[in-house]
Amino acid sequence: MLAGMNVNVWDVADQVERLVRAGFAGHVVDPVRLADPGVALDEL
């Protein structure tokens, strides 16, 4: 994950930033889990 966007969900900005930073560090996020609304961003 190299970019993120947050629209009208104010309490996830920190999690989105951590995912983007992890992506730049070379970590891969499972796109299926990322697309699943039942998986919390902290679990990715």
PDB file of N, CA and C in Angstrom:
ATOM      1  N   MET A   1       0.858  -1.163   0.000  1.00  0.00           N
ATOM      2  CA  MET A   1       0.000   0.000   0.000  1.00  0.00           C
ATOM      3  C   MET A   1       0.903   1.225   0.000  1.00  0.00           C
ATOM      4  N   LEU A   2       0.719   2.092  -0.987  1.00  0.00           N
ATOM      5  CA  LEU A   2       1.567   3.280  -1.094  1.00  0.00           C
ATOM      6  C   LEU A   2       0.796   4.579  -0.942  1.00  0.00           C
ATOM      7  N   ALA A   3      -0.524   4.500  -0.861  1.00  0.00           N
ATOM      8  CA  ALA A   3      -1.333   5.701  -0.679  1.00  0.00           C
ATOM      9  C   ALA A   3      -2.621   5.326   0.026  1.00  0.00           C
ATOM     10  N   GLY A   4      -3.217   6.291   0.670  1.00  0.00           N
ATOM     11  CA  GLY A   4      -4.484   6.050   1.356  1.00  0.00           C
ATOM     12  C   GLY A   4      -5.347   7.292   1.292  1.00  0.00           C
ATOM     13  N   MET A   5      -6.638   7.087   1.429  1.00  0.00           N
ATOM     14  CA  MET A   5      -7.566   8.209   1.407  1.00  0.00           C
ATOM     15  C   MET A   5      -8.623   7.959   2.472  1.00  0.00           C
ATOM     16  N   ASN A   6      -8.982   8.988   3.172  1.00  0.00           N
ATOM     17  CA  ASN A   6      -9.954   8.897   4.239  1.00  0.00           C
ATOM     18  C   ASN A   6     -11.063   9.903   3.961  1.00  0.00           C
ATOM     19  N   VAL A   7     -12.292   9.429   3.872  1.00  0.00           N
ATOM     20  CA  VAL A   7     -13.416  10.317   3.598  1.00  0.00           C
ATOM     21  C   VAL A   7     -14.466  10.127   4.690  1.00  0.00           C
ATOM     22  N   ASN A   8     -14.638  11.147   5.508  1.00  0.00           N
ATOM     23  CA  ASN A   8     -15.677  11.198   6.536  1.00  0.00           C
ATOM     24  C   ASN A   8     -15.599  10.081   7.579  1.00  0.00           C
ATOM     25  N   VAL A   9     -14.435   9.514   7.793  1.00  0.00           N
ATOM     26  CA  VAL A   9     -14.234   8.567   8.888  1.00  0.00           C
ATOM     27  C   VAL A   9     -13.015   9.087   9.646  1.00  0.00           C
ATOM     28  N   TRP A  10     -13.238   9.895  10.641  1.00  0.00           N
ATOM     29  CA  TRP A  10     -12.171  10.680  11.243  1.00  0.00           C
ATOM     30  C   TRP A  10     -11.276   9.883  12.181  1.00  0.00           C
ATOM     31  N   ASP A  11     -11.731   8.759  12.677  1.00  0.00           N
ATOM     32  CA  ASP A  11     -10.943   8.045  13.679  1.00  0.00           C
ATOM     33  C   ASP A  11     -10.001   6.995  13.096  1.00  0.00           C
ATOM     34  N   VAL A  12      -9.748   7.004  11.802  1.00  0.00           N
ATOM     35  CA  VAL A  12      -8.855   6.013  11.194  1.00  0.00           C
ATOM     36  C   VAL A  12      -7.618   6.639  10.545  1.00  0.00           C
ATOM     37  N   ALA A  13      -7.431   7.924  10.692  1.00  0.00           N
ATOM     38  CA  ALA A  13      -6.304   8.597  10.033  1.00  0.00           C
ATOM     39  C   ALA A  13      -4.965   8.009  10.469  1.00  0.00           C
ATOM     40  N   ASP A  14      -4.808   7.707  11.748  1.00  0.00           N
ATOM     41  CA  ASP A  14      -3.541   7.141  12.229  1.00  0.00           C
ATOM     42  C   ASP A  14      -3.287   5.756  11.641  1.00  0.00           C
ATOM     43  N   GLN A  15      -4.332   4.935  11.553  1.00  0.00           N
ATOM     44  CA  GLN A  15      -4.174   3.593  10.993  1.00  0.00           C
ATOM     45  C   GLN A  15      -3.821   3.654   9.511  1.00  0.00           C
ATOM     46  N   VAL A  16      -4.452   4.560   8.777  1.00  0.00           N
ATOM     47  CA  VAL A  16      -4.145   4.718   7.351  1.00  0.00           C
ATOM     48  C   VAL A  16      -2.698   5.166   7.180  1.00  0.00           C
ATOM     49  N   GLU A  17      -2.262   6.103   8.000  1.00  0.00           N
ATOM     50  CA  GLU A  17      -0.876   6.571   7.914  1.00  0.00           C
ATOM     51  C   GLU A  17       0.100   5.425   8.197  1.00  0.00           C
ATOM     52  N   ARG A  18      -0.185   4.593   9.204  1.00  0.00           N
ATOM     53  CA  ARG A  18       0.698   3.456   9.507  1.00  0.00           C
ATOM     54  C   ARG A  18       0.760   2.478   8.341  1.00  0.00           C
ATOM     55  N   LEU A  19      -0.369   2.216   7.691  1.00  0.00           N
ATOM     56  CA  LEU A  19      -0.376   1.316   6.538  1.00  0.00           C
ATOM     57  C   LEU A  19       0.454   1.871   5.385  1.00  0.00           C
ATOM     58  N   VAL A  20       0.334   3.171   5.126  1.00  0.00           N
ATOM     59  CA  VAL A  20       1.100   3.789   4.044  1.00  0.00           C
ATOM     60  C   VAL A  20       2.593   3.738   4.367  1.00  0.00           C
ATOM     61  N   ARG A  21       2.949   4.074   5.600  1.00  0.00           N
ATOM     62  CA  ARG A  21       4.364   4.024   5.996  1.00  0.00           C
ATOM     63  C   ARG A  21       4.912   2.603   5.884  1.00  0.00           C
ATOM     64  N   ALA A  22       4.108   1.617   6.276  1.00  0.00           N
ATOM     65  CA  ALA A  22       4.541   0.222   6.162  1.00  0.00           C
ATOM     66  C   ALA A  22       4.742  -0.157   4.706  1.00  0.00           C
ATOM     67  N   GLY A  23       3.881   0.339   3.819  1.00  0.00           N
ATOM     68  CA  GLY A  23       4.024   0.067   2.396  1.00  0.00           C
ATOM     69  C   GLY A  23       5.325   0.615   1.841  1.00  0.00           C
ATOM     70  N   PHE A  24       5.690   1.822   2.260  1.00  0.00           N
ATOM     71  CA  PHE A  24       6.954   2.402   1.806  1.00  0.00           C
ATOM     72  C   PHE A  24       8.154   1.660   2.386  1.00  0.00           C
ATOM     73  N   ALA A  25       7.947   0.978   3.523  1.00  0.00           N
ATOM     74  CA  ALA A  25       9.023   0.196   4.134  1.00  0.00           C
ATOM     75  C   ALA A  25       9.127  -1.197   3.512  1.00  0.00           C
ATOM     76  N   GLY A  26       8.239  -1.516   2.561  1.00  0.00           N
ATOM     77  CA  GLY A  26       8.317  -2.794   1.866  1.00  0.00           C
ATOM     78  C   GLY A  26       7.346  -3.850   2.341  1.00  0.00           C
ATOM     79  N   HIS A  27       6.502  -3.531   3.316  1.00  0.00           N
ATOM     80  CA  HIS A  27       5.520  -4.494   3.798  1.00  0.00           C
ATOM     81  C   HIS A  27       4.343  -4.574   2.826  1.00  0.00           C
ATOM     82  N   VAL A  28       3.805  -5.759   2.649  1.00  0.00           N
ATOM     83  CA  VAL A  28       2.702  -5.983   1.715  1.00  0.00           C
ATOM     84  C   VAL A  28       1.409  -6.192   2.501  1.00  0.00           C
ATOM     85  N   VAL A  29       0.353  -5.521   2.087  1.00  0.00           N
ATOM     86  CA  VAL A  29      -0.968  -5.679   2.696  1.00  0.00           C
ATOM     87  C   VAL A  29      -1.795  -6.585   1.798  1.00  0.00           C
ATOM     88  N   ASP A  30      -2.456  -7.562   2.396  1.00  0.00           N
ATOM     89  CA  ASP A  30      -3.320  -8.475   1.654  1.00  0.00           C
ATOM     90  C   ASP A  30      -4.511  -7.682   1.113  1.00  0.00           C
ATOM     91  N   PRO A  31      -4.660  -7.555  -0.209  1.00  0.00           N
ATOM     92  CA  PRO A  31      -5.746  -6.739  -0.768  1.00  0.00           C
ATOM     93  C   PRO A  31      -7.132  -7.286  -0.448  1.00  0.00           C
ATOM     94  N   VAL A  32      -7.256  -8.579  -0.276  1.00  0.00           N
ATOM     95  CA  VAL A  32      -8.562  -9.161   0.064  1.00  0.00           C
ATOM     96  C   VAL A  32      -8.969  -8.725   1.468  1.00  0.00           C
ATOM     97  N   ARG A  33      -8.035  -8.792   2.404  1.00  0.00           N
ATOM     98  CA  ARG A  33      -8.338  -8.358   3.772  1.00  0.00           C
ATOM     99  C   ARG A  33      -8.553  -6.849   3.832  1.00  0.00           C
ATOM    100  N   LEU A  34      -7.794  -6.084   3.041  1.00  0.00           N
ATOM    101  CA  LEU A  34      -7.949  -4.636   3.012  1.00  0.00           C
ATOM    102  C   LEU A  34      -9.341  -4.247   2.515  1.00  0.00           C
ATOM    103  N   ALA A  35      -9.882  -4.985   1.567  1.00  0.00           N
ATOM    104  CA  ALA A  35     -11.197  -4.690   1.012  1.00  0.00           C
ATOM    105  C   ALA A  35     -12.343  -5.173   1.898  1.00  0.00           C
ATOM    106  N   ASP A  36     -12.035  -6.002   2.878  1.00  0.00           N
ATOM    107  CA  ASP A  36     -13.064  -6.578   3.744  1.00  0.00           C
ATOM    108  C   ASP A  36     -13.420  -5.590   4.859  1.00  0.00           C
ATOM    109  N   PRO A  37     -14.641  -5.064   4.878  1.00  0.00           N
ATOM    110  CA  PRO A  37     -15.023  -4.097   5.925  1.00  0.00           C
ATOM    111  C   PRO A  37     -15.061  -4.733   7.311  1.00  0.00           C
ATOM    112  N   GLY A  38     -15.045  -6.040   7.394  1.00  0.00           N
ATOM    113  CA  GLY A  38     -15.045  -6.719   8.690  1.00  0.00           C
ATOM    114  C   GLY A  38     -13.667  -6.829   9.326  1.00  0.00           C
ATOM    115  N   VAL A  39     -12.619  -6.474   8.566  1.00  0.00           N
ATOM    116  CA  VAL A  39     -11.259  -6.528   9.095  1.00  0.00           C
ATOM    117  C   VAL A  39     -10.841  -5.114   9.503  1.00  0.00           C
ATOM    118  N   ALA A  40     -10.524  -4.951  10.771  1.00  0.00           N
ATOM    119  CA  ALA A  40     -10.103  -3.643  11.266  1.00  0.00           C
ATOM    120  C   ALA A  40      -8.751  -3.255  10.677  1.00  0.00           C
ATOM    121  N   LEU A  41      -8.545  -1.983  10.429  1.00  0.00           N
ATOM    122  CA  LEU A  41      -7.286  -1.527   9.853  1.00  0.00           C
ATOM    123  C   LEU A  41      -6.099  -1.889  10.739  1.00  0.00           C
ATOM    124  N   ASP A  42      -6.302  -1.911  12.046  1.00  0.00           N
ATOM    125  CA  ASP A  42      -5.223  -2.271  12.969  1.00  0.00           C
ATOM    126  C   ASP A  42      -4.778  -3.716  12.785  1.00  0.00           C
ATOM    127  N   GLU A  43      -5.637  -4.574  12.229  1.00  0.00           N
ATOM    128  CA  GLU A  43      -5.299  -5.985  12.027  1.00  0.00           C
ATOM    129  C   GLU A  43      -4.502  -6.218  10.759  1.00  0.00           C
ATOM    130  N   LEU A  44      -4.391  -5.216   9.911  1.00  0.00           N
ATOM    131  CA  LEU A  44      -3.675  -5.375   8.654  1.00  0.00           C
ATOM    132  C   LEU A  44      -2.202  -5.152   8.870  1.00  0.00           C
TER     133      LEU A  44
END
